[in-house]
Amino acid sequence: LEDMLVRADETSKLEVHIDTDEGNAVNLDSATEVELLKQEPCGCQSHTN
């Protein structure tokens, strides 16, 4: 699940909902706990952020 947009602030809950299509695409079972990691940019010229 690359390029996932996250909008958060100090009052946000640290959880995410993944729809059935996305869950099936990455072989997740219902109610599976996962850890989301922030990936640092690679430094190449194709990234604008």
Protein backbone atom coordinates (compact mmCIF):
# COMPACT_ATOMS: atom_id res chain seq x y z
CA LEU A 1 0.00 0.00 0.00
CA GLU A 2 2.29 2.72 -1.26
CA ASP A 3 1.45 6.41 -1.57
CA MET A 4 -1.27 6.25 1.09
CA LEU A 5 -2.48 9.72 2.05
CA VAL A 6 -2.78 10.24 5.81
CA ARG A 7 -4.47 13.24 7.35
CA ALA A 8 -3.90 13.49 11.10
CA ASP A 9 -3.68 15.95 13.94
CA GLU A 10 -3.21 15.82 17.73
CA THR A 11 -6.81 14.63 18.27
CA SER A 12 -6.78 11.88 15.63
CA LYS A 13 -7.14 8.22 16.53
CA LEU A 14 -4.24 6.09 15.36
CA GLU A 15 -6.19 3.61 13.26
CA VAL A 16 -7.08 3.11 9.63
CA HIS A 17 -9.85 1.36 7.72
CA ILE A 18 -8.80 -0.69 4.70
CA ASP A 19 -11.63 -1.56 2.31
CA THR A 20 -12.27 -5.16 1.27
CA ASP A 21 -10.72 -4.70 -2.18
CA GLU A 22 -7.46 -3.36 -0.76
CA GLY A 23 -7.40 -5.99 2.00
CA ASN A 24 -7.89 -8.78 -0.51
CA ALA A 25 -5.17 -7.33 -2.74
CA VAL A 26 -2.62 -7.65 0.08
CA ASN A 27 -4.05 -10.91 1.50
CA LEU A 28 -5.34 -9.55 4.84
CA ASP A 29 -7.92 -11.43 6.87
CA SER A 30 -10.75 -9.59 8.63
CA ALA A 31 -9.65 -7.61 11.74
CA THR A 32 -5.94 -8.17 11.05
CA GLU A 33 -3.69 -5.77 12.97
CA VAL A 34 -0.88 -4.21 10.94
CA GLU A 35 1.72 -1.54 11.60
CA LEU A 36 1.90 1.43 9.23
CA LEU A 37 5.38 2.85 8.71
CA LYS A 38 6.25 6.23 7.29
CA GLN A 39 8.63 5.71 4.39
CA GLU A 40 11.25 8.37 3.87
CA PRO A 41 11.65 9.73 0.32
CA CYS A 42 14.40 8.04 -1.67
CA GLY A 43 15.94 11.36 -2.73
CA CYS A 44 15.50 10.76 -6.46
CA GLN A 45 14.25 13.54 -8.73
CA SER A 46 10.86 11.89 -9.40
CA HIS A 47 9.52 12.80 -5.92
CA THR A 48 8.15 16.30 -5.45
CA ASN A 49 7.60 16.14 -1.65
